[in-house]
Amino acid sequence: MSKIKPSKGAPYARILGVGGYRPTRVVPNEVILEKIDSSDEWIRSRSGIETRHWAGPDETVAAMSIEASGKAIADAGIDASQIGAVVVSTVSHFSQTPAVATEIADKLGTDKAAAFDISAGCAGFGYGLTLAKGMIVEGSAEYVLVIGVERLSDLTDLEDRATAFLFGDGAGAVVVGPSQEPAIGPTVWGSEGDKSETIKQTVPWDRFRIGDLSSLPLDSEGNVKFPAITQEGQAVFRWAVFEMAKVAQQALDAAGISPDDLDVFIPHQANVRIIDSMVKTLKLPEHVMVARDIRTTGNTSAASIPLAMERLLATGEAKSGDTALVIGFGAGLVYAATVVTLP
């Protein structure tokens, strides 16, 4: 017989508050076209993107996260000192250690909250949400702050016609807390590492340590390029459209929800064509509000779902208590989908 006492957490967990931060600078497609041979019409037709936000020097990963988190904490109606854990999903915090989550937890005024970073690309918010739910039900935290944040402009090759127009910067955060009824469904998540080459960093960091830069890619002016995110667009598109629609359906099934029961669909904001294809494959009814925040925000990876959620609620296109299907997918390849009740 085990001597360990059973944990005493909440019966369920729910999202209590959401907040977002978009950098001040708005970048239209015309700026992107200064470096690539394309057109505004082509970018809009291929991705749906019209503008994106790029962070300035003071809009760091930590600073954007703190702004978004402050809004989420206020929206949840709690004090920062009640936060028991901070989970940050990002691929664009360039200090390997310590985790940026510890800085955020301290500057928000938490009471020595557990804090750590995760790297799950565009599925990072779903991964963080799942961890938060587990902590609350298990009893190791009463409230958990989940943040998705990226400065992808730092990892964008502006001369790469396939990706230069895609990425934006921003932070989205949610507070997850206890609930007396189910409000975050089972997570359907996984990875397909055999497809890891389809979205990746162009050059690993240790290539710069060797000292021989002759084999590194150069820009049009002959300078060594900083590592950037690259992808095989068609392969990623096919995978997202066909395989992720199946995952989304599995999440609905796991939650006991039919498409008719849904109020809102918030997919990762990767590409409008992917979003529209998933809506069609899932046969979502016309009454389901579909997030298309990518038009003015771009692809912000881990930040895209909470940012889209925040905007839908702020504009009144979605309301508190709505049932929403959320799904993130990206580099790894990894994915995570679940059904939630909106705060």
C-alpha atoms as a PDB file:
ATOM      1  CA  MET A   1       0.000   0.000   0.000  1.00  0.00           C
ATOM      2  CA  SER A   2       1.392   3.405  -0.934  1.00  0.00           C
ATOM      3  CA  LYS A   3       2.373   5.796   1.846  1.00  0.00           C
ATOM      4  CA  ILE A   4       1.867   8.823  -0.414  1.00  0.00           C
ATOM      5  CA  LYS A   5      -1.233  10.879   0.308  1.00  0.00           C
ATOM      6  CA  PRO A   6      -3.585  11.446  -2.640  1.00  0.00           C
ATOM      7  CA  SER A   7      -3.503  14.913  -4.149  1.00  0.00           C
ATOM      8  CA  LYS A   8      -6.446  17.240  -3.594  1.00  0.00           C
ATOM      9  CA  GLY A   9      -6.992  19.495  -6.544  1.00  0.00           C
ATOM     10  CA  ALA A  10     -10.065  20.960  -8.174  1.00  0.00           C
ATOM     11  CA  PRO A  11     -12.497  18.591  -9.912  1.00  0.00           C
ATOM     12  CA  TYR A  12     -12.008  20.448 -13.209  1.00  0.00           C
ATOM     13  CA  ALA A  13     -10.194  23.434 -14.722  1.00  0.00           C
ATOM     14  CA  ARG A  14     -11.272  26.341 -16.913  1.00  0.00           C
ATOM     15  CA  ILE A  15      -9.884  29.438 -18.627  1.00  0.00           C
ATOM     16  CA  LEU A  16     -10.793  32.385 -16.395  1.00  0.00           C
ATOM     17  CA  GLY A  17      -9.200  35.290 -18.245  1.00  0.00           C
ATOM     18  CA  VAL A  18      -7.395  36.162 -21.457  1.00  0.00           C
ATOM     19  CA  GLY A  19      -5.107  38.994 -22.528  1.00  0.00           C
ATOM     20  CA  GLY A  20      -3.095  39.932 -25.588  1.00  0.00           C
ATOM     21  CA  TYR A  21      -0.362  42.287 -26.714  1.00  0.00           C
ATOM     22  CA  ARG A  22       0.432  43.310 -30.268  1.00  0.00           C
ATOM     23  CA  PRO A  23       3.517  45.444 -30.938  1.00  0.00           C
ATOM     24  CA  THR A  24       3.007  49.079 -31.900  1.00  0.00           C
ATOM     25  CA  ARG A  25       4.550  48.833 -35.360  1.00  0.00           C
ATOM     26  CA  VAL A  26       2.157  47.630 -38.063  1.00  0.00           C
ATOM     27  CA  VAL A  27       3.932  46.252 -41.147  1.00  0.00           C
ATOM     28  CA  PRO A  28       1.981  46.136 -44.425  1.00  0.00           C
ATOM     29  CA  ASN A  29       2.811  43.797 -47.281  1.00  0.00           C
ATOM     30  CA  GLU A  30       4.479  46.668 -49.153  1.00  0.00           C
ATOM     31  CA  VAL A  31       7.376  46.556 -46.689  1.00  0.00           C
ATOM     32  CA  ILE A  32       7.848  42.824 -47.285  1.00  0.00           C
ATOM     33  CA  LEU A  33       7.849  43.389 -51.054  1.00  0.00           C
ATOM     34  CA  GLU A  34      10.974  45.545 -50.771  1.00  0.00           C
ATOM     35  CA  LYS A  35      13.043  42.364 -50.445  1.00  0.00           C
ATOM     36  CA  ILE A  36      11.141  39.718 -52.437  1.00  0.00           C
ATOM     37  CA  ASP A  37       9.773  39.427 -55.968  1.00  0.00           C
ATOM     38  CA  SER A  38       6.055  39.130 -55.294  1.00  0.00           C
ATOM     39  CA  SER A  39       2.892  41.222 -54.991  1.00  0.00           C
ATOM     40  CA  ASP A  40       0.365  42.252 -52.380  1.00  0.00           C
ATOM     41  CA  GLU A  41      -2.305  40.307 -54.271  1.00  0.00           C
ATOM     42  CA  TRP A  42      -0.174  37.127 -54.258  1.00  0.00           C
ATOM     43  CA  ILE A  43       0.542  37.370 -50.509  1.00  0.00           C
ATOM     44  CA  ARG A  44      -3.133  37.926 -49.695  1.00  0.00           C
ATOM     45  CA  SER A  45      -4.298  35.104 -51.941  1.00  0.00           C
ATOM     46  CA  ARG A  46      -1.728  32.610 -50.615  1.00  0.00           C
ATOM     47  CA  SER A  47      -1.937  33.451 -46.911  1.00  0.00           C
ATOM     48  CA  GLY A  48      -4.714  35.947 -46.249  1.00  0.00           C
ATOM     49  CA  ILE A  49      -2.207  38.266 -44.571  1.00  0.00           C
ATOM     50  CA  GLU A  50      -2.592  42.006 -45.091  1.00  0.00           C
ATOM     51  CA  THR A  51      -0.492  43.326 -42.205  1.00  0.00           C
ATOM     52  CA  ARG A  52       1.491  42.004 -39.259  1.00  0.00           C
ATOM     53  CA  HIS A  53       3.068  43.514 -36.131  1.00  0.00           C
ATOM     54  CA  TRP A  54       6.833  43.666 -35.591  1.00  0.00           C
ATOM     55  CA  ALA A  55       8.301  44.315 -32.161  1.00  0.00           C
ATOM     56  CA  GLY A  56      10.592  47.227 -31.435  1.00  0.00           C
ATOM     57  CA  PRO A  57      13.735  47.072 -29.279  1.00  0.00           C
ATOM     58  CA  ASP A  58      11.796  47.529 -26.030  1.00  0.00           C
ATOM     59  CA  GLU A  59       9.081  45.039 -26.946  1.00  0.00           C
ATOM     60  CA  THR A  60      11.019  42.007 -25.774  1.00  0.00           C
ATOM     61  CA  VAL A  61       9.618  38.519 -25.268  1.00  0.00           C
ATOM     62  CA  ALA A  62       9.394  39.257 -21.537  1.00  0.00           C
ATOM     63  CA  ALA A  63       7.916  42.743 -21.950  1.00  0.00           C
ATOM     64  CA  MET A  64       5.181  41.592 -24.347  1.00  0.00           C
ATOM     65  CA  SER A  65       4.382  38.649 -22.073  1.00  0.00           C
ATOM     66  CA  ILE A  66       4.041  40.894 -19.026  1.00  0.00           C
ATOM     67  CA  GLU A  67       1.637  43.207 -20.866  1.00  0.00           C
ATOM     68  CA  ALA A  68      -0.552  40.325 -22.069  1.00  0.00           C
ATOM     69  CA  SER A  69      -0.425  38.582 -18.695  1.00  0.00           C
ATOM     70  CA  GLY A  70      -1.457  41.679 -16.762  1.00  0.00           C
ATOM     71  CA  LYS A  71      -4.600  41.892 -18.893  1.00  0.00           C
ATOM     72  CA  ALA A  72      -5.334  38.179 -18.443  1.00  0.00           C
ATOM     73  CA  ILE A  73      -4.920  38.375 -14.663  1.00  0.00           C
ATOM     74  CA  ALA A  74      -7.209  41.406 -14.474  1.00  0.00           C
ATOM     75  CA  ASP A  75      -9.742  39.666 -16.718  1.00  0.00           C
ATOM     76  CA  ALA A  76      -9.682  36.628 -14.407  1.00  0.00           C
ATOM     77  CA  GLY A  77     -10.354  38.839 -11.381  1.00  0.00           C
ATOM     78  CA  ILE A  78      -7.448  37.530  -9.319  1.00  0.00           C
ATOM     79  CA  ASP A  79      -4.191  38.943  -7.976  1.00  0.00           C
ATOM     80  CA  ALA A  80      -0.807  38.002  -9.423  1.00  0.00           C
ATOM     81  CA  SER A  81       0.230  36.659  -6.010  1.00  0.00           C
ATOM     82  CA  GLN A  82      -2.333  33.873  -6.459  1.00  0.00           C
ATOM     83  CA  ILE A  83      -0.599  32.503  -9.559  1.00  0.00           C
ATOM     84  CA  GLY A  84       1.027  29.193  -8.667  1.00  0.00           C
ATOM     85  CA  ALA A  85       2.797  28.481 -11.957  1.00  0.00           C
ATOM     86  CA  VAL A  86       3.820  30.302 -15.129  1.00  0.00           C
ATOM     87  CA  VAL A  87       4.201  28.344 -18.371  1.00  0.00           C
ATOM     88  CA  VAL A  88       5.689  30.161 -21.374  1.00  0.00           C
ATOM     89  CA  SER A  89       5.688  28.695 -24.865  1.00  0.00           C
ATOM     90  CA  THR A  90       8.182  30.367 -27.211  1.00  0.00           C
ATOM     91  CA  VAL A  91      10.878  29.597 -29.774  1.00  0.00           C
ATOM     92  CA  SER A  92      12.203  33.159 -29.983  1.00  0.00           C
ATOM     93  CA  HIS A  93      13.714  33.801 -26.548  1.00  0.00           C
ATOM     94  CA  PHE A  94      17.408  33.702 -27.400  1.00  0.00           C
ATOM     95  CA  SER A  95      18.839  33.159 -23.910  1.00  0.00           C
ATOM     96  CA  GLN A  96      19.134  29.422 -23.460  1.00  0.00           C
ATOM     97  CA  THR A  97      18.932  29.801 -19.701  1.00  0.00           C
ATOM     98  CA  PRO A  98      17.387  30.929 -17.419  1.00  0.00           C
ATOM     99  CA  ALA A  99      13.833  30.459 -18.644  1.00  0.00           C
ATOM    100  CA  VAL A 100      12.116  33.742 -19.496  1.00  0.00           C
ATOM    101  CA  ALA A 101       9.150  32.506 -17.449  1.00  0.00           C
ATOM    102  CA  THR A 102      11.083  33.171 -14.233  1.00  0.00           C
ATOM    103  CA  GLU A 103      11.616  36.840 -15.144  1.00  0.00           C
ATOM    104  CA  ILE A 104       7.952  37.193 -16.064  1.00  0.00           C
ATOM    105  CA  ALA A 105       6.781  35.551 -12.826  1.00  0.00           C
ATOM    106  CA  ASP A 106       8.947  37.902 -10.771  1.00  0.00           C
ATOM    107  CA  LYS A 107       7.991  41.127 -12.566  1.00  0.00           C
ATOM    108  CA  LEU A 108       4.283  40.281 -12.412  1.00  0.00           C
ATOM    109  CA  GLY A 109       4.532  39.995  -8.626  1.00  0.00           C
ATOM    110  CA  THR A 110       3.796  36.305  -8.154  1.00  0.00           C
ATOM    111  CA  ASP A 111       4.726  34.674  -4.860  1.00  0.00           C
ATOM    112  CA  LYS A 112       7.650  32.555  -6.075  1.00  0.00           C
ATOM    113  CA  ALA A 113       5.465  30.770  -8.627  1.00  0.00           C
ATOM    114  CA  ALA A 114       6.882  27.754 -10.419  1.00  0.00           C
ATOM    115  CA  ALA A 115       8.021  28.985 -13.839  1.00  0.00           C
ATOM    116  CA  PHE A 116       9.336  27.287 -16.957  1.00  0.00           C
ATOM    117  CA  ASP A 117       9.488  27.559 -20.738  1.00  0.00           C
ATOM    118  CA  ILE A 118       8.368  24.977 -23.270  1.00  0.00           C
ATOM    119  CA  SER A 119       9.194  24.643 -26.942  1.00  0.00           C
ATOM    120  CA  ALA A 120       6.333  23.194 -28.964  1.00  0.00           C
ATOM    121  CA  GLY A 121       6.165  25.666 -31.826  1.00  0.00           C
ATOM    122  CA  CYS A 122       2.706  26.579 -33.037  1.00  0.00           C
ATOM    123  CA  ALA A 123       1.139  23.899 -30.798  1.00  0.00           C
ATOM    124  CA  GLY A 124       2.746  25.430 -27.715  1.00  0.00           C
ATOM    125  CA  PHE A 125      -0.370  27.091 -26.357  1.00  0.00           C
ATOM    126  CA  GLY A 126      -2.258  23.783 -26.421  1.00  0.00           C
ATOM    127  CA  TYR A 127       0.619  22.039 -24.698  1.00  0.00           C
ATOM    128  CA  GLY A 128       0.762  24.734 -22.016  1.00  0.00           C
ATOM    129  CA  LEU A 129      -3.003  24.645 -21.499  1.00  0.00           C
ATOM    130  CA  THR A 130      -2.868  20.882 -20.996  1.00  0.00           C
ATOM    131  CA  LEU A 131      -0.077  21.209 -18.428  1.00  0.00           C
ATOM    132  CA  ALA A 132      -2.028  23.915 -16.596  1.00  0.00           C
ATOM    133  CA  LYS A 133      -5.169  21.790 -16.450  1.00  0.00           C
ATOM    134  CA  GLY A 134      -3.150  18.912 -15.004  1.00  0.00           C
ATOM    135  CA  MET A 135      -1.586  21.096 -12.312  1.00  0.00           C
ATOM    136  CA  ILE A 136      -4.960  22.430 -11.177  1.00  0.00           C
ATOM    137  CA  VAL A 137      -6.702  19.062 -11.075  1.00  0.00           C
ATOM    138  CA  GLU A 138      -3.673  17.456  -9.429  1.00  0.00           C
ATOM    139  CA  GLY A 139      -3.500  20.223  -6.842  1.00  0.00           C
ATOM    140  CA  SER A 140      -0.005  21.639  -7.344  1.00  0.00           C
ATOM    141  CA  ALA A 141      -1.379  25.068  -8.302  1.00  0.00           C
ATOM    142  CA  GLU A 142      -4.721  26.826  -7.917  1.00  0.00           C
ATOM    143  CA  TYR A 143      -4.130  29.260 -10.783  1.00  0.00           C
ATOM    144  CA  VAL A 144      -1.756  28.833 -13.719  1.00  0.00           C
ATOM    145  CA  LEU A 145      -0.684  31.501 -16.195  1.00  0.00           C
ATOM    146  CA  VAL A 146      -0.149  30.160 -19.725  1.00  0.00           C
ATOM    147  CA  ILE A 147       1.634  32.441 -22.188  1.00  0.00           C
ATOM    148  CA  GLY A 148       2.310  32.060 -25.900  1.00  0.00           C
ATOM    149  CA  VAL A 149       4.795  34.683 -27.091  1.00  0.00           C
ATOM    150  CA  GLU A 150       6.975  35.188 -30.135  1.00  0.00           C
ATOM    151  CA  ARG A 151       9.306  37.689 -31.789  1.00  0.00           C
ATOM    152  CA  LEU A 152       9.368  35.807 -35.071  1.00  0.00           C
ATOM    153  CA  SER A 153      10.578  38.890 -36.931  1.00  0.00           C
ATOM    154  CA  ASP A 154      13.957  37.993 -35.389  1.00  0.00           C
ATOM    155  CA  LEU A 155      13.795  34.595 -37.092  1.00  0.00           C
ATOM    156  CA  THR A 156      12.492  35.713 -40.489  1.00  0.00           C
ATOM    157  CA  ASP A 157      14.596  35.676 -43.645  1.00  0.00           C
ATOM    158  CA  LEU A 158      13.219  38.689 -45.474  1.00  0.00           C
ATOM    159  CA  GLU A 159      14.766  37.424 -48.730  1.00  0.00           C
ATOM    160  CA  ASP A 160      12.979  34.071 -48.551  1.00  0.00           C
ATOM    161  CA  ARG A 161       9.962  34.419 -50.838  1.00  0.00           C
ATOM    162  CA  ALA A 162       8.251  31.409 -49.216  1.00  0.00           C
ATOM    163  CA  THR A 163       8.257  32.724 -45.631  1.00  0.00           C
ATOM    164  CA  ALA A 164       9.159  36.446 -45.550  1.00  0.00           C
ATOM    165  CA  PHE A 165       5.515  37.528 -45.440  1.00  0.00           C
ATOM    166  CA  LEU A 166       4.254  34.965 -42.931  1.00  0.00           C
ATOM    167  CA  PHE A 167       5.495  35.825 -39.488  1.00  0.00           C
ATOM    168  CA  GLY A 168       4.508  38.397 -36.886  1.00  0.00           C
ATOM    169  CA  ASP A 169       5.205  39.208 -33.255  1.00  0.00           C
ATOM    170  CA  GLY A 170       2.987  39.295 -30.186  1.00  0.00           C
ATOM    171  CA  ALA A 171       1.952  37.682 -26.923  1.00  0.00           C
ATOM    172  CA  GLY A 172      -1.246  36.046 -25.714  1.00  0.00           C
ATOM    173  CA  ALA A 173      -1.948  34.820 -22.189  1.00  0.00           C
ATOM    174  CA  VAL A 174      -4.668  33.019 -20.271  1.00  0.00           C
ATOM    175  CA  VAL A 175      -5.249  32.358 -16.601  1.00  0.00           C
ATOM    176  CA  VAL A 176      -6.420  28.803 -15.934  1.00  0.00           C
ATOM    177  CA  GLY A 177      -8.118  28.070 -12.626  1.00  0.00           C
ATOM    178  CA  PRO A 178     -10.466  25.700 -10.794  1.00  0.00           C
ATOM    179  CA  SER A 179     -13.931  24.790 -12.030  1.00  0.00           C
ATOM    180  CA  GLN A 180     -16.859  22.807 -10.699  1.00  0.00           C
ATOM    181  CA  GLU A 181     -17.782  21.599 -14.183  1.00  0.00           C
ATOM    182  CA  PRO A 182     -15.801  20.461 -17.252  1.00  0.00           C
ATOM    183  CA  ALA A 183     -14.583  23.511 -19.195  1.00  0.00           C
ATOM    184  CA  ILE A 184     -11.398  22.176 -20.842  1.00  0.00           C
ATOM    185  CA  GLY A 185     -11.873  18.924 -22.702  1.00  0.00           C
ATOM    186  CA  PRO A 186      -9.404  16.077 -23.187  1.00  0.00           C
ATOM    187  CA  THR A 187      -6.385  17.057 -25.277  1.00  0.00           C
ATOM    188  CA  VAL A 188      -5.627  15.181 -28.472  1.00  0.00           C
ATOM    189  CA  TRP A 189      -1.931  15.789 -29.015  1.00  0.00           C
ATOM    190  CA  GLY A 190       1.114  14.173 -30.545  1.00  0.00           C
ATOM    191  CA  SER A 191       4.164  14.501 -32.756  1.00  0.00           C
ATOM    192  CA  GLU A 192       5.406  13.281 -36.126  1.00  0.00           C
ATOM    193  CA  GLY A 193       9.170  13.603 -35.911  1.00  0.00           C
ATOM    194  CA  ASP A 194       9.645  11.929 -39.270  1.00  0.00           C
ATOM    195  CA  LYS A 195       8.443  15.237 -40.761  1.00  0.00           C
ATOM    196  CA  SER A 196      10.792  17.430 -38.728  1.00  0.00           C
ATOM    197  CA  GLU A 197      12.525  18.774 -41.841  1.00  0.00           C
ATOM    198  CA  THR A 198       9.357  20.412 -43.157  1.00  0.00           C
ATOM    199  CA  ILE A 199       9.543  23.316 -40.662  1.00  0.00           C
ATOM    200  CA  LYS A 200      12.904  24.043 -39.108  1.00  0.00           C
ATOM    201  CA  GLN A 201      15.604  26.543 -38.236  1.00  0.00           C
ATOM    202  CA  THR A 202      17.914  27.059 -41.201  1.00  0.00           C
ATOM    203  CA  VAL A 203      21.181  26.790 -39.254  1.00  0.00           C
ATOM    204  CA  PRO A 204      21.729  25.405 -35.726  1.00  0.00           C
ATOM    205  CA  TRP A 205      23.341  27.783 -33.237  1.00  0.00           C
ATOM    206  CA  ASP A 206      26.475  25.679 -32.792  1.00  0.00           C
ATOM    207  CA  ARG A 207      27.488  26.280 -36.426  1.00  0.00           C
ATOM    208  CA  PHE A 208      28.462  29.803 -35.366  1.00  0.00           C
ATOM    209  CA  ARG A 209      30.712  28.466 -32.603  1.00  0.00           C
ATOM    210  CA  ILE A 210      32.949  26.496 -34.948  1.00  0.00           C
ATOM    211  CA  GLY A 211      34.456  29.662 -36.395  1.00  0.00           C
ATOM    212  CA  ASP A 212      34.328  28.663 -40.060  1.00  0.00           C
ATOM    213  CA  LEU A 213      31.508  30.713 -41.517  1.00  0.00           C
ATOM    214  CA  SER A 214      32.276  29.808 -45.135  1.00  0.00           C
ATOM    215  CA  SER A 215      29.525  27.181 -45.298  1.00  0.00           C
ATOM    216  CA  LEU A 216      26.821  29.432 -43.839  1.00  0.00           C
ATOM    217  CA  PRO A 217      24.206  31.053 -46.119  1.00  0.00           C
ATOM    218  CA  LEU A 218      24.784  34.656 -47.183  1.00  0.00           C
ATOM    219  CA  ASP A 219      22.327  37.458 -47.886  1.00  0.00           C
ATOM    220  CA  SER A 220      22.222  39.545 -51.051  1.00  0.00           C
ATOM    221  CA  GLU A 221      24.920  41.849 -49.655  1.00  0.00           C
ATOM    222  CA  GLY A 222      27.314  39.020 -48.841  1.00  0.00           C
ATOM    223  CA  ASN A 223      26.713  38.993 -45.082  1.00  0.00           C
ATOM    224  CA  VAL A 224      26.217  35.780 -43.109  1.00  0.00           C
ATOM    225  CA  LYS A 225      22.513  35.241 -42.546  1.00  0.00           C
ATOM    226  CA  PHE A 226      21.171  34.928 -39.023  1.00  0.00           C
ATOM    227  CA  PRO A 227      19.302  31.644 -38.478  1.00  0.00           C
ATOM    228  CA  ALA A 228      15.704  31.805 -39.655  1.00  0.00           C
ATOM    229  CA  ILE A 229      12.617  29.611 -39.831  1.00  0.00           C
ATOM    230  CA  THR A 230      12.100  27.856 -43.143  1.00  0.00           C
ATOM    231  CA  GLN A 231       9.430  25.460 -44.316  1.00  0.00           C
ATOM    232  CA  GLU A 232       8.332  23.230 -47.158  1.00  0.00           C
ATOM    233  CA  GLY A 233       5.091  25.027 -47.865  1.00  0.00           C
ATOM    234  CA  GLN A 234       3.208  22.438 -49.894  1.00  0.00           C
ATOM    235  CA  ALA A 235       4.079  19.549 -47.573  1.00  0.00           C
ATOM    236  CA  VAL A 236       3.010  21.542 -44.518  1.00  0.00           C
ATOM    237  CA  PHE A 237      -0.201  22.653 -46.237  1.00  0.00           C
ATOM    238  CA  ARG A 238      -1.224  19.097 -47.134  1.00  0.00           C
ATOM    239  CA  TRP A 239      -0.426  17.821 -43.642  1.00  0.00           C
ATOM    240  CA  ALA A 240      -2.326  20.635 -41.928  1.00  0.00           C
ATOM    241  CA  VAL A 241      -5.406  20.376 -44.152  1.00  0.00           C
ATOM    242  CA  PHE A 242      -5.817  16.610 -44.162  1.00  0.00           C
ATOM    243  CA  GLU A 243      -4.224  15.345 -40.937  1.00  0.00           C
ATOM    244  CA  MET A 244      -5.117  18.205 -38.589  1.00  0.00           C
ATOM    245  CA  ALA A 245      -8.780  18.101 -39.561  1.00  0.00           C
ATOM    246  CA  LYS A 246      -8.748  14.497 -38.307  1.00  0.00           C
ATOM    247  CA  VAL A 247      -7.139  15.600 -35.027  1.00  0.00           C
ATOM    248  CA  ALA A 248      -9.712  18.359 -34.623  1.00  0.00           C
ATOM    249  CA  GLN A 249     -12.512  15.825 -35.116  1.00  0.00           C
ATOM    250  CA  GLN A 250     -10.895  13.533 -32.530  1.00  0.00           C
ATOM    251  CA  ALA A 251     -10.892  16.425 -30.043  1.00  0.00           C
ATOM    252  CA  LEU A 252     -14.592  17.009 -30.676  1.00  0.00           C
ATOM    253  CA  ASP A 253     -15.294  13.313 -30.189  1.00  0.00           C
ATOM    254  CA  ALA A 254     -13.227  13.179 -26.984  1.00  0.00           C
ATOM    255  CA  ALA A 255     -15.212  16.104 -25.565  1.00  0.00           C
ATOM    256  CA  GLY A 256     -18.538  14.591 -26.620  1.00  0.00           C
ATOM    257  CA  ILE A 257     -19.192  17.605 -28.832  1.00  0.00           C
ATOM    258  CA  SER A 258     -20.609  17.663 -32.362  1.00  0.00           C
ATOM    259  CA  PRO A 259     -19.890  20.456 -34.874  1.00  0.00           C
ATOM    260  CA  ASP A 260     -23.471  21.672 -34.293  1.00  0.00           C
ATOM    261  CA  ASP A 261     -22.663  22.177 -30.592  1.00  0.00           C
ATOM    262  CA  LEU A 262     -19.750  24.508 -31.345  1.00  0.00           C
ATOM    263  CA  ASP A 263     -19.954  28.282 -31.147  1.00  0.00           C
ATOM    264  CA  VAL A 264     -16.379  29.164 -32.099  1.00  0.00           C
ATOM    265  CA  PHE A 265     -13.438  27.631 -33.985  1.00  0.00           C
ATOM    266  CA  ILE A 266      -9.978  29.007 -33.105  1.00  0.00           C
ATOM    267  CA  PRO A 267      -7.290  27.233 -35.135  1.00  0.00           C
ATOM    268  CA  HIS A 268      -3.627  28.213 -35.197  1.00  0.00           C
ATOM    269  CA  GLN A 269      -3.382  31.229 -37.472  1.00  0.00           C
ATOM    270  CA  ALA A 270      -1.027  29.709 -40.042  1.00  0.00           C
ATOM    271  CA  ASN A 271      -2.752  30.461 -43.315  1.00  0.00           C
ATOM    272  CA  VAL A 272      -6.309  31.467 -44.280  1.00  0.00           C
ATOM    273  CA  ARG A 273      -6.443  28.738 -46.930  1.00  0.00           C
ATOM    274  CA  ILE A 274      -5.623  26.122 -44.292  1.00  0.00           C
ATOM    275  CA  ILE A 275      -8.291  27.548 -41.978  1.00  0.00           C
ATOM    276  CA  ASP A 276     -10.933  27.591 -44.717  1.00  0.00           C
ATOM    277  CA  SER A 277     -10.071  24.038 -45.802  1.00  0.00           C
ATOM    278  CA  MET A 278     -10.371  22.756 -42.214  1.00  0.00           C
ATOM    279  CA  VAL A 279     -13.767  24.431 -41.839  1.00  0.00           C
ATOM    280  CA  LYS A 280     -14.931  22.683 -44.990  1.00  0.00           C
ATOM    281  CA  THR A 281     -13.511  19.277 -44.030  1.00  0.00           C
ATOM    282  CA  LEU A 282     -15.021  19.460 -40.531  1.00  0.00           C
ATOM    283  CA  LYS A 283     -18.352  20.538 -42.044  1.00  0.00           C
ATOM    284  CA  LEU A 284     -18.722  23.326 -39.504  1.00  0.00           C
ATOM    285  CA  PRO A 285     -22.173  24.990 -39.546  1.00  0.00           C
ATOM    286  CA  GLU A 286     -22.453  28.598 -40.655  1.00  0.00           C
ATOM    287  CA  HIS A 287     -23.252  29.759 -37.114  1.00  0.00           C
ATOM    288  CA  VAL A 288     -19.741  28.795 -35.917  1.00  0.00           C
ATOM    289  CA  MET A 289     -17.547  31.895 -35.606  1.00  0.00           C
ATOM    290  CA  VAL A 290     -14.153  31.182 -37.183  1.00  0.00           C
ATOM    291  CA  ALA A 291     -11.069  33.118 -36.059  1.00  0.00           C
ATOM    292  CA  ARG A 292      -9.175  34.710 -38.944  1.00  0.00           C
ATOM    293  CA  ASP A 293      -6.929  36.995 -36.926  1.00  0.00           C
ATOM    294  CA  ILE A 294      -4.067  36.160 -39.290  1.00  0.00           C
ATOM    295  CA  ARG A 295      -5.254  38.883 -41.688  1.00  0.00           C
ATOM    296  CA  THR A 296      -3.887  41.661 -39.497  1.00  0.00           C
ATOM    297  CA  THR A 297      -1.592  39.770 -37.108  1.00  0.00           C
ATOM    298  CA  GLY A 298       0.254  37.256 -39.285  1.00  0.00           C
ATOM    299  CA  ASN A 299       1.481  33.911 -38.017  1.00  0.00           C
ATOM    300  CA  THR A 300       2.603  34.405 -34.405  1.00  0.00           C
ATOM    301  CA  SER A 301       3.158  30.696 -33.682  1.00  0.00           C
ATOM    302  CA  ALA A 302       2.483  29.944 -29.989  1.00  0.00           C
ATOM    303  CA  ALA A 303       0.786  33.335 -29.509  1.00  0.00           C
ATOM    304  CA  SER A 304      -1.730  32.947 -32.336  1.00  0.00           C
ATOM    305  CA  ILE A 305      -4.547  31.089 -30.526  1.00  0.00           C
ATOM    306  CA  PRO A 306      -4.714  33.240 -27.374  1.00  0.00           C
ATOM    307  CA  LEU A 307      -4.369  36.413 -29.472  1.00  0.00           C
ATOM    308  CA  ALA A 308      -7.225  35.304 -31.724  1.00  0.00           C
ATOM    309  CA  MET A 309      -9.298  34.334 -28.684  1.00  0.00           C
ATOM    310  CA  GLU A 310      -8.714  37.708 -27.062  1.00  0.00           C
ATOM    311  CA  ARG A 311      -9.720  39.594 -30.211  1.00  0.00           C
ATOM    312  CA  LEU A 312     -12.926  37.594 -30.754  1.00  0.00           C
ATOM    313  CA  LEU A 313     -14.029  38.306 -27.185  1.00  0.00           C
ATOM    314  CA  ALA A 314     -13.010  41.975 -27.352  1.00  0.00           C
ATOM    315  CA  THR A 315     -14.969  42.575 -30.566  1.00  0.00           C
ATOM    316  CA  GLY A 316     -18.027  40.668 -29.381  1.00  0.00           C
ATOM    317  CA  GLU A 317     -17.738  38.113 -32.183  1.00  0.00           C
ATOM    318  CA  ALA A 318     -17.503  35.514 -29.419  1.00  0.00           C
ATOM    319  CA  LYS A 319     -18.864  35.732 -25.894  1.00  0.00           C
ATOM    320  CA  SER A 320     -18.145  34.360 -22.452  1.00  0.00           C
ATOM    321  CA  GLY A 321     -19.457  30.825 -22.075  1.00  0.00           C
ATOM    322  CA  ASP A 322     -19.180  29.957 -25.755  1.00  0.00           C
ATOM    323  CA  THR A 323     -17.904  26.484 -26.631  1.00  0.00           C
ATOM    324  CA  ALA A 324     -14.746  26.679 -28.744  1.00  0.00           C
ATOM    325  CA  LEU A 325     -12.598  24.157 -30.582  1.00  0.00           C
ATOM    326  CA  VAL A 326      -8.924  25.144 -30.481  1.00  0.00           C
ATOM    327  CA  ILE A 327      -6.100  23.447 -32.383  1.00  0.00           C
ATOM    328  CA  GLY A 328      -2.428  24.272 -32.796  1.00  0.00           C
ATOM    329  CA  PHE A 329       0.014  22.592 -35.168  1.00  0.00           C
ATOM    330  CA  GLY A 330       3.502  23.274 -36.452  1.00  0.00           C
ATOM    331  CA  ALA A 331       7.235  22.621 -36.228  1.00  0.00           C
ATOM    332  CA  GLY A 332       8.128  19.183 -34.975  1.00  0.00           C
ATOM    333  CA  LEU A 333       5.772  18.353 -36.413  1.00  0.00           C
ATOM    334  CA  VAL A 334       3.553  18.629 -33.340  1.00  0.00           C
ATOM    335  CA  TYR A 335      -0.110  19.271 -32.657  1.00  0.00           C
ATOM    336  CA  ALA A 336      -2.629  19.736 -29.839  1.00  0.00           C
ATOM    337  CA  ALA A 337      -6.400  20.170 -29.957  1.00  0.00           C
ATOM    338  CA  THR A 338      -9.091  20.507 -27.312  1.00  0.00           C
ATOM    339  CA  VAL A 339     -12.530  21.994 -26.685  1.00  0.00           C
ATOM    340  CA  VAL A 340     -12.832  24.817 -24.145  1.00  0.00           C
ATOM    341  CA  THR A 341     -15.430  27.101 -22.627  1.00  0.00           C
ATOM    342  CA  LEU A 342     -14.436  30.709 -23.342  1.00  0.00           C
ATOM    343  CA  PRO A 343     -13.840  32.961 -20.344  1.00  0.00           C
END
